[in-house]
Amino acid sequence: MNWLYLAIAILSEVLATTALKLSNGFTVWPPSLAVMVGYGFAFYFLSLTLRTIPLGIAYAIWSGVGIVLISLAGWVIYDQKLNFLAMLGIF
């Protein structure tokens, strides 16, 4: 069950970070609300994960998968290009 909590934490963080760009510095209300709710869910479910999964392992997975998913979201949603150095850094 804790792996499910970690997956929910990761997806919540990715959705919140994706909405962060749309919030335009928290001046656009709907994406700003999505950011706040998304990060709230992310940290709540990460805290549940930490009951049984060691902090270092949970955070490494959370940040690594999050980086890949955010990069994909930027590429697909915002048409941001990933050059060789960016992909090398992600790898």
PDB file of N, CA and C in Angstrom:
ATOM      1  N   MET A   1       0.810  -1.197   0.000  1.00  0.00           N
ATOM      2  CA  MET A   1       0.000   0.000   0.000  1.00  0.00           C
ATOM      3  C   MET A   1       0.857   1.266   0.000  1.00  0.00           C
ATOM      4  N   ASN A   2       2.021   1.186   0.648  1.00  0.00           N
ATOM      5  CA  ASN A   2       2.873   2.370   0.706  1.00  0.00           C
ATOM      6  C   ASN A   2       3.441   2.755  -0.654  1.00  0.00           C
ATOM      7  N   TRP A   3       3.600   1.770  -1.531  1.00  0.00           N
ATOM      8  CA  TRP A   3       4.054   2.094  -2.883  1.00  0.00           C
ATOM      9  C   TRP A   3       2.960   2.830  -3.642  1.00  0.00           C
ATOM     10  N   LEU A   4       1.712   2.496  -3.367  1.00  0.00           N
ATOM     11  CA  LEU A   4       0.590   3.230  -3.960  1.00  0.00           C
ATOM     12  C   LEU A   4       0.590   4.666  -3.444  1.00  0.00           C
ATOM     13  N   TYR A   5       0.828   4.850  -2.150  1.00  0.00           N
ATOM     14  CA  TYR A   5       0.908   6.200  -1.577  1.00  0.00           C
ATOM     15  C   TYR A   5       2.029   6.998  -2.239  1.00  0.00           C
ATOM     16  N   LEU A   6       3.153   6.342  -2.481  1.00  0.00           N
ATOM     17  CA  LEU A   6       4.264   7.024  -3.131  1.00  0.00           C
ATOM     18  C   LEU A   6       3.891   7.419  -4.557  1.00  0.00           C
ATOM     19  N   ALA A   7       3.197   6.547  -5.270  1.00  0.00           N
ATOM     20  CA  ALA A   7       2.765   6.868  -6.630  1.00  0.00           C
ATOM     21  C   ALA A   7       1.798   8.055  -6.631  1.00  0.00           C
ATOM     22  N   ILE A   8       0.881   8.079  -5.668  1.00  0.00           N
ATOM     23  CA  ILE A   8      -0.053   9.202  -5.567  1.00  0.00           C
ATOM     24  C   ILE A   8       0.708  10.489  -5.252  1.00  0.00           C
ATOM     25  N   ALA A   9       1.698  10.412  -4.367  1.00  0.00           N
ATOM     26  CA  ALA A   9       2.509  11.585  -4.027  1.00  0.00           C
ATOM     27  C   ALA A   9       3.229  12.113  -5.259  1.00  0.00           C
ATOM     28  N   ILE A  10       3.789  11.211  -6.045  1.00  0.00           N
ATOM     29  CA  ILE A  10       4.526  11.616  -7.248  1.00  0.00           C
ATOM     30  C   ILE A  10       3.589  12.268  -8.255  1.00  0.00           C
ATOM     31  N   LEU A  11       2.465  11.633  -8.527  1.00  0.00           N
ATOM     32  CA  LEU A  11       1.529  12.183  -9.509  1.00  0.00           C
ATOM     33  C   LEU A  11       0.950  13.517  -9.049  1.00  0.00           C
ATOM     34  N   SER A  12       0.688  13.652  -7.759  1.00  0.00           N
ATOM     35  CA  SER A  12       0.179  14.921  -7.226  1.00  0.00           C
ATOM     36  C   SER A  12       1.207  16.028  -7.396  1.00  0.00           C
ATOM     37  N   GLU A  13       2.456  15.709  -7.133  1.00  0.00           N
ATOM     38  CA  GLU A  13       3.517  16.700  -7.274  1.00  0.00           C
ATOM     39  C   GLU A  13       3.706  17.096  -8.731  1.00  0.00           C
ATOM     40  N   VAL A  14       3.617  16.132  -9.635  1.00  0.00           N
ATOM     41  CA  VAL A  14       3.770  16.420 -11.060  1.00  0.00           C
ATOM     42  C   VAL A  14       2.625  17.306 -11.555  1.00  0.00           C
ATOM     43  N   LEU A  15       1.401  16.995 -11.150  1.00  0.00           N
ATOM     44  CA  LEU A  15       0.264  17.825 -11.549  1.00  0.00           C
ATOM     45  C   LEU A  15       0.387  19.240 -10.978  1.00  0.00           C
ATOM     46  N   ALA A  16       0.815  19.351  -9.718  1.00  0.00           N
ATOM     47  CA  ALA A  16       0.971  20.664  -9.101  1.00  0.00           C
ATOM     48  C   ALA A  16       2.061  21.472  -9.798  1.00  0.00           C
ATOM     49  N   THR A  17       3.163  20.845 -10.098  1.00  0.00           N
ATOM     50  CA  THR A  17       4.259  21.552 -10.757  1.00  0.00           C
ATOM     51  C   THR A  17       3.881  21.957 -12.168  1.00  0.00           C
ATOM     52  N   THR A  18       3.137  21.107 -12.861  1.00  0.00           N
ATOM     53  CA  THR A  18       2.663  21.444 -14.204  1.00  0.00           C
ATOM     54  C   THR A  18       1.721  22.649 -14.140  1.00  0.00           C
ATOM     55  N   ALA A  19       0.852  22.690 -13.139  1.00  0.00           N
ATOM     56  CA  ALA A  19      -0.075  23.818 -12.977  1.00  0.00           C
ATOM     57  C   ALA A  19       0.652  25.087 -12.544  1.00  0.00           C
ATOM     58  N   LEU A  20       1.816  24.939 -11.927  1.00  0.00           N
ATOM     59  CA  LEU A  20       2.566  26.099 -11.447  1.00  0.00           C
ATOM     60  C   LEU A  20       2.885  27.060 -12.584  1.00  0.00           C
ATOM     61  N   LYS A  21       3.246  26.531 -13.732  1.00  0.00           N
ATOM     62  CA  LYS A  21       3.533  27.393 -14.886  1.00  0.00           C
ATOM     63  C   LYS A  21       2.285  28.147 -15.326  1.00  0.00           C
ATOM     64  N   LEU A  22       1.142  27.463 -15.302  1.00  0.00           N
ATOM     65  CA  LEU A  22      -0.113  28.092 -15.711  1.00  0.00           C
ATOM     66  C   LEU A  22      -0.611  29.134 -14.714  1.00  0.00           C
ATOM     67  N   SER A  23      -0.154  29.048 -13.464  1.00  0.00           N
ATOM     68  CA  SER A  23      -0.630  29.977 -12.438  1.00  0.00           C
ATOM     69  C   SER A  23      -0.111  31.399 -12.646  1.00  0.00           C
ATOM     70  N   ASN A  24       0.921  31.543 -13.471  1.00  0.00           N
ATOM     71  CA  ASN A  24       1.492  32.859 -13.794  1.00  0.00           C
ATOM     72  C   ASN A  24       1.825  33.639 -12.520  1.00  0.00           C
ATOM     73  N   GLY A  25       2.624  33.009 -11.671  1.00  0.00           N
ATOM     74  CA  GLY A  25       3.019  33.659 -10.420  1.00  0.00           C
ATOM     75  C   GLY A  25       1.873  33.803  -9.440  1.00  0.00           C
ATOM     76  N   PHE A  26       0.982  32.825  -9.425  1.00  0.00           N
ATOM     77  CA  PHE A  26      -0.198  32.802  -8.560  1.00  0.00           C
ATOM     78  C   PHE A  26      -1.160  33.964  -8.837  1.00  0.00           C
ATOM     79  N   THR A  27      -1.197  34.414 -10.096  1.00  0.00           N
ATOM     80  CA  THR A  27      -2.146  35.467 -10.471  1.00  0.00           C
ATOM     81  C   THR A  27      -3.382  34.908 -11.167  1.00  0.00           C
ATOM     82  N   VAL A  28      -3.330  33.646 -11.582  1.00  0.00           N
ATOM     83  CA  VAL A  28      -4.481  32.996 -12.207  1.00  0.00           C
ATOM     84  C   VAL A  28      -5.020  31.993 -11.196  1.00  0.00           C
ATOM     85  N   TRP A  29      -6.265  32.178 -10.777  1.00  0.00           N
ATOM     86  CA  TRP A  29      -6.818  31.450  -9.639  1.00  0.00           C
ATOM     87  C   TRP A  29      -6.923  29.929  -9.827  1.00  0.00           C
ATOM     88  N   PRO A  30      -7.555  29.394 -10.896  1.00  0.00           N
ATOM     89  CA  PRO A  30      -7.725  27.922 -10.960  1.00  0.00           C
ATOM     90  C   PRO A  30      -6.417  27.132 -10.925  1.00  0.00           C
ATOM     91  N   PRO A  31      -5.401  27.490 -11.729  1.00  0.00           N
ATOM     92  CA  PRO A  31      -4.161  26.721 -11.612  1.00  0.00           C
ATOM     93  C   PRO A  31      -3.449  26.950 -10.281  1.00  0.00           C
ATOM     94  N   SER A  32      -3.604  28.123  -9.690  1.00  0.00           N
ATOM     95  CA  SER A  32      -3.001  28.379  -8.380  1.00  0.00           C
ATOM     96  C   SER A  32      -3.610  27.463  -7.326  1.00  0.00           C
ATOM     97  N   LEU A  33      -4.907  27.276  -7.391  1.00  0.00           N
ATOM     98  CA  LEU A  33      -5.583  26.360  -6.474  1.00  0.00           C
ATOM     99  C   LEU A  33      -5.105  24.923  -6.705  1.00  0.00           C
ATOM    100  N   ALA A  34      -4.934  24.547  -7.977  1.00  0.00           N
ATOM    101  CA  ALA A  34      -4.435  23.209  -8.306  1.00  0.00           C
ATOM    102  C   ALA A  34      -3.031  22.998  -7.735  1.00  0.00           C
ATOM    103  N   VAL A  35      -2.210  24.034  -7.759  1.00  0.00           N
ATOM    104  CA  VAL A  35      -0.854  23.942  -7.201  1.00  0.00           C
ATOM    105  C   VAL A  35      -0.929  23.674  -5.695  1.00  0.00           C
ATOM    106  N   MET A  36      -1.735  24.460  -4.997  1.00  0.00           N
ATOM    107  CA  MET A  36      -1.818  24.314  -3.541  1.00  0.00           C
ATOM    108  C   MET A  36      -2.394  22.961  -3.135  1.00  0.00           C
ATOM    109  N   VAL A  37      -3.448  22.542  -3.801  1.00  0.00           N
ATOM    110  CA  VAL A  37      -4.059  21.246  -3.480  1.00  0.00           C
ATOM    111  C   VAL A  37      -3.115  20.108  -3.864  1.00  0.00           C
ATOM    112  N   GLY A  38      -2.505  20.216  -5.035  1.00  0.00           N
ATOM    113  CA  GLY A  38      -1.599  19.174  -5.500  1.00  0.00           C
ATOM    114  C   GLY A  38      -0.411  18.966  -4.588  1.00  0.00           C
ATOM    115  N   TYR A  39       0.222  20.071  -4.159  1.00  0.00           N
ATOM    116  CA  TYR A  39       1.359  19.928  -3.243  1.00  0.00           C
ATOM    117  C   TYR A  39       0.905  19.433  -1.877  1.00  0.00           C
ATOM    118  N   GLY A  40      -0.284  19.841  -1.452  1.00  0.00           N
ATOM    119  CA  GLY A  40      -0.819  19.327  -0.188  1.00  0.00           C
ATOM    120  C   GLY A  40      -0.979  17.821  -0.223  1.00  0.00           C
ATOM    121  N   PHE A  41      -1.600  17.321  -1.302  1.00  0.00           N
ATOM    122  CA  PHE A  41      -1.741  15.875  -1.470  1.00  0.00           C
ATOM    123  C   PHE A  41      -0.374  15.201  -1.553  1.00  0.00           C
ATOM    124  N   ALA A  42       0.545  15.808  -2.300  1.00  0.00           N
ATOM    125  CA  ALA A  42       1.869  15.209  -2.488  1.00  0.00           C
ATOM    126  C   ALA A  42       2.576  15.003  -1.150  1.00  0.00           C
ATOM    127  N   PHE A  43       2.590  16.034  -0.328  1.00  0.00           N
ATOM    128  CA  PHE A  43       3.296  15.906   0.950  1.00  0.00           C
ATOM    129  C   PHE A  43       2.549  15.019   1.927  1.00  0.00           C
ATOM    130  N   TYR A  44       1.231  15.049   1.875  1.00  0.00           N
ATOM    131  CA  TYR A  44       0.465  14.166   2.757  1.00  0.00           C
ATOM    132  C   TYR A  44       0.761  12.699   2.429  1.00  0.00           C
ATOM    133  N   PHE A  45       0.673  12.341   1.131  1.00  0.00           N
ATOM    134  CA  PHE A  45       0.900  10.951   0.754  1.00  0.00           C
ATOM    135  C   PHE A  45       2.369  10.556   0.886  1.00  0.00           C
ATOM    136  N   LEU A  46       3.278  11.493   0.713  1.00  0.00           N
ATOM    137  CA  LEU A  46       4.686  11.188   0.972  1.00  0.00           C
ATOM    138  C   LEU A  46       4.880  10.886   2.457  1.00  0.00           C
ATOM    139  N   SER A  47       4.202  11.624   3.326  1.00  0.00           N
ATOM    140  CA  SER A  47       4.336  11.359   4.763  1.00  0.00           C
ATOM    141  C   SER A  47       3.800   9.980   5.125  1.00  0.00           C
ATOM    142  N   LEU A  48       2.734   9.538   4.458  1.00  0.00           N
ATOM    143  CA  LEU A  48       2.223   8.189   4.697  1.00  0.00           C
ATOM    144  C   LEU A  48       3.216   7.137   4.216  1.00  0.00           C
ATOM    145  N   THR A  49       3.858   7.425   3.111  1.00  0.00           N
ATOM    146  CA  THR A  49       4.855   6.517   2.557  1.00  0.00           C
ATOM    147  C   THR A  49       6.004   6.305   3.532  1.00  0.00           C
ATOM    148  N   LEU A  50       6.387   7.377   4.213  1.00  0.00           N
ATOM    149  CA  LEU A  50       7.564   7.324   5.087  1.00  0.00           C
ATOM    150  C   LEU A  50       7.345   6.510   6.352  1.00  0.00           C
ATOM    151  N   ARG A  51       6.141   6.007   6.561  1.00  0.00           N
ATOM    152  CA  ARG A  51       5.901   5.127   7.698  1.00  0.00           C
ATOM    153  C   ARG A  51       6.678   3.824   7.565  1.00  0.00           C
ATOM    154  N   THR A  52       6.840   3.354   6.325  1.00  0.00           N
ATOM    155  CA  THR A  52       7.508   2.064   6.134  1.00  0.00           C
ATOM    156  C   THR A  52       8.658   2.094   5.130  1.00  0.00           C
ATOM    157  N   ILE A  53       8.674   3.041   4.231  1.00  0.00           N
ATOM    158  CA  ILE A  53       9.759   3.127   3.247  1.00  0.00           C
ATOM    159  C   ILE A  53      10.779   4.132   3.771  1.00  0.00           C
ATOM    160  N   PRO A  54      12.062   3.776   3.797  1.00  0.00           N
ATOM    161  CA  PRO A  54      13.082   4.701   4.292  1.00  0.00           C
ATOM    162  C   PRO A  54      13.082   6.024   3.515  1.00  0.00           C
ATOM    163  N   LEU A  55      13.353   7.108   4.226  1.00  0.00           N
ATOM    164  CA  LEU A  55      13.321   8.448   3.649  1.00  0.00           C
ATOM    165  C   LEU A  55      14.171   8.576   2.389  1.00  0.00           C
ATOM    166  N   GLY A  56      15.398   8.119   2.433  1.00  0.00           N
ATOM    167  CA  GLY A  56      16.295   8.253   1.281  1.00  0.00           C
ATOM    168  C   GLY A  56      15.784   7.540   0.049  1.00  0.00           C
ATOM    169  N   ILE A  57      15.248   6.353   0.240  1.00  0.00           N
ATOM    170  CA  ILE A  57      14.721   5.585  -0.890  1.00  0.00           C
ATOM    171  C   ILE A  57      13.462   6.239  -1.437  1.00  0.00           C
ATOM    172  N   ALA A  58      12.542   6.623  -0.546  1.00  0.00           N
ATOM    173  CA  ALA A  58      11.296   7.254  -0.984  1.00  0.00           C
ATOM    174  C   ALA A  58      11.583   8.556  -1.728  1.00  0.00           C
ATOM    175  N   TYR A  59      12.485   9.360  -1.188  1.00  0.00           N
ATOM    176  CA  TYR A  59      12.781  10.640  -1.817  1.00  0.00           C
ATOM    177  C   TYR A  59      13.504  10.462  -3.142  1.00  0.00           C
ATOM    178  N   ALA A  60      14.397   9.492  -3.227  1.00  0.00           N
ATOM    179  CA  ALA A  60      15.105   9.241  -4.482  1.00  0.00           C
ATOM    180  C   ALA A  60      14.132   8.835  -5.579  1.00  0.00           C
ATOM    181  N   ILE A  61      13.193   7.966  -5.245  1.00  0.00           N
ATOM    182  CA  ILE A  61      12.197   7.544  -6.232  1.00  0.00           C
ATOM    183  C   ILE A  61      11.283   8.707  -6.581  1.00  0.00           C
ATOM    184  N   TRP A  62      10.822   9.432  -5.549  1.00  0.00           N
ATOM    185  CA  TRP A  62       9.909  10.556  -5.759  1.00  0.00           C
ATOM    186  C   TRP A  62      10.539  11.607  -6.662  1.00  0.00           C
ATOM    187  N   SER A  63      11.767  11.988  -6.361  1.00  0.00           N
ATOM    188  CA  SER A  63      12.405  13.034  -7.156  1.00  0.00           C
ATOM    189  C   SER A  63      12.806  12.535  -8.541  1.00  0.00           C
ATOM    190  N   GLY A  64      13.310  11.315  -8.637  1.00  0.00           N
ATOM    191  CA  GLY A  64      13.733  10.788  -9.940  1.00  0.00           C
ATOM    192  C   GLY A  64      12.571  10.614 -10.899  1.00  0.00           C
ATOM    193  N   VAL A  65      11.520   9.967 -10.447  1.00  0.00           N
ATOM    194  CA  VAL A  65      10.343   9.775 -11.305  1.00  0.00           C
ATOM    195  C   VAL A  65       9.705  11.128 -11.598  1.00  0.00           C
ATOM    196  N   GLY A  66       9.670  12.003 -10.595  1.00  0.00           N
ATOM    197  CA  GLY A  66       9.102  13.337 -10.794  1.00  0.00           C
ATOM    198  C   GLY A  66       9.851  14.127 -11.860  1.00  0.00           C
ATOM    199  N   ILE A  67      11.166  14.071 -11.849  1.00  0.00           N
ATOM    200  CA  ILE A  67      11.963  14.780 -12.854  1.00  0.00           C
ATOM    201  C   ILE A  67      11.626  14.291 -14.256  1.00  0.00           C
ATOM    202  N   VAL A  68      11.541  12.988 -14.418  1.00  0.00           N
ATOM    203  CA  VAL A  68      11.241  12.430 -15.732  1.00  0.00           C
ATOM    204  C   VAL A  68       9.833  12.839 -16.174  1.00  0.00           C
ATOM    205  N   LEU A  69       8.854  12.713 -15.281  1.00  0.00           N
ATOM    206  CA  LEU A  69       7.476  13.052 -15.648  1.00  0.00           C
ATOM    207  C   LEU A  69       7.295  14.544 -15.912  1.00  0.00           C
ATOM    208  N   ILE A  70       7.937  15.386 -15.120  1.00  0.00           N
ATOM    209  CA  ILE A  70       7.852  16.835 -15.349  1.00  0.00           C
ATOM    210  C   ILE A  70       8.505  17.196 -16.680  1.00  0.00           C
ATOM    211  N   SER A  71       9.611  16.568 -16.994  1.00  0.00           N
ATOM    212  CA  SER A  71      10.268  16.825 -18.279  1.00  0.00           C
ATOM    213  C   SER A  71       9.373  16.411 -19.435  1.00  0.00           C
ATOM    214  N   LEU A  72       8.715  15.267 -19.292  1.00  0.00           N
ATOM    215  CA  LEU A  72       7.772  14.830 -20.329  1.00  0.00           C
ATOM    216  C   LEU A  72       6.582  15.773 -20.432  1.00  0.00           C
ATOM    217  N   ALA A  73       6.067  16.236 -19.306  1.00  0.00           N
ATOM    218  CA  ALA A  73       4.946  17.178 -19.316  1.00  0.00           C
ATOM    219  C   ALA A  73       5.350  18.481 -20.000  1.00  0.00           C
ATOM    220  N   GLY A  74       6.536  18.977 -19.697  1.00  0.00           N
ATOM    221  CA  GLY A  74       7.021  20.192 -20.350  1.00  0.00           C
ATOM    222  C   GLY A  74       7.150  20.021 -21.846  1.00  0.00           C
ATOM    223  N   TRP A  75       7.590  18.866 -22.262  1.00  0.00           N
ATOM    224  CA  TRP A  75       7.755  18.568 -23.683  1.00  0.00           C
ATOM    225  C   TRP A  75       6.397  18.460 -24.378  1.00  0.00           C
ATOM    226  N   VAL A  76       5.466  17.714 -23.774  1.00  0.00           N
ATOM    227  CA  VAL A  76       4.168  17.458 -24.402  1.00  0.00           C
ATOM    228  C   VAL A  76       3.230  18.661 -24.284  1.00  0.00           C
ATOM    229  N   ILE A  77       3.121  19.225 -23.091  1.00  0.00           N
ATOM    230  CA  ILE A  77       2.128  20.277 -22.850  1.00  0.00           C
ATOM    231  C   ILE A  77       2.634  21.653 -23.271  1.00  0.00           C
ATOM    232  N   TYR A  78       3.873  21.964 -22.951  1.00  0.00           N
ATOM    233  CA  TYR A  78       4.402  23.310 -23.190  1.00  0.00           C
ATOM    234  C   TYR A  78       5.366  23.380 -24.372  1.00  0.00           C
ATOM    235  N   ASP A  79       5.515  22.270 -25.093  1.00  0.00           N
ATOM    236  CA  ASP A  79       6.380  22.212 -26.273  1.00  0.00           C
ATOM    237  C   ASP A  79       7.817  22.645 -25.959  1.00  0.00           C
ATOM    238  N   GLN A  80       8.288  22.289 -24.778  1.00  0.00           N
ATOM    239  CA  GLN A  80       9.659  22.589 -24.392  1.00  0.00           C
ATOM    240  C   GLN A  80      10.575  21.493 -24.927  1.00  0.00           C
ATOM    241  N   LYS A  81      11.659  21.912 -25.504  1.00  0.00           N
ATOM    242  CA  LYS A  81      12.581  20.964 -26.123  1.00  0.00           C
ATOM    243  C   LYS A  81      13.576  20.421 -25.097  1.00  0.00           C
ATOM    244  N   LEU A  82      13.896  19.155 -25.258  1.00  0.00           N
ATOM    245  CA  LEU A  82      14.913  18.517 -24.429  1.00  0.00           C
ATOM    246  C   LEU A  82      16.126  18.245 -25.312  1.00  0.00           C
ATOM    247  N   ASN A  83      17.178  19.054 -25.146  1.00  0.00           N
ATOM    248  CA  ASN A  83      18.377  18.832 -25.942  1.00  0.00           C
ATOM    249  C   ASN A  83      19.212  17.714 -25.314  1.00  0.00           C
ATOM    250  N   PHE A  84      20.312  17.425 -25.922  1.00  0.00           N
ATOM    251  CA  PHE A  84      21.163  16.318 -25.475  1.00  0.00           C
ATOM    252  C   PHE A  84      21.621  16.519 -24.031  1.00  0.00           C
ATOM    253  N   LEU A  85      22.063  17.720 -23.706  1.00  0.00           N
ATOM    254  CA  LEU A  85      22.562  17.971 -22.352  1.00  0.00           C
ATOM    255  C   LEU A  85      21.446  17.846 -21.317  1.00  0.00           C
ATOM    256  N   ALA A  86      20.246  18.281 -21.659  1.00  0.00           N
ATOM    257  CA  ALA A  86      19.116  18.140 -20.742  1.00  0.00           C
ATOM    258  C   ALA A  86      18.807  16.673 -20.509  1.00  0.00           C
ATOM    259  N   MET A  87      18.769  15.897 -21.577  1.00  0.00           N
ATOM    260  CA  MET A  87      18.486  14.460 -21.425  1.00  0.00           C
ATOM    261  C   MET A  87      19.615  13.752 -20.685  1.00  0.00           C
ATOM    262  N   LEU A  88      20.841  14.163 -20.916  1.00  0.00           N
ATOM    263  CA  LEU A  88      21.973  13.597 -20.192  1.00  0.00           C
ATOM    264  C   LEU A  88      21.867  13.898 -18.703  1.00  0.00           C
ATOM    265  N   GLY A  89      21.495  15.112 -18.366  1.00  0.00           N
ATOM    266  CA  GLY A  89      21.322  15.478 -16.969  1.00  0.00           C
ATOM    267  C   GLY A  89      20.191  14.701 -16.309  1.00  0.00           C
ATOM    268  N   ILE A  90      19.106  14.490 -17.019  1.00  0.00           N
ATOM    269  CA  ILE A  90      17.990  13.722 -16.492  1.00  0.00           C
ATOM    270  C   ILE A  90      18.399  12.265 -16.284  1.00  0.00           C
ATOM    271  N   PHE A  91      19.147  11.733 -17.255  1.00  0.00           N
ATOM    272  CA  PHE A  91      19.609  10.343 -17.153  1.00  0.00           C
ATOM    273  C   PHE A  91      20.531  10.166 -15.976  1.00  0.00           C
TER     274      PHE A  91
END
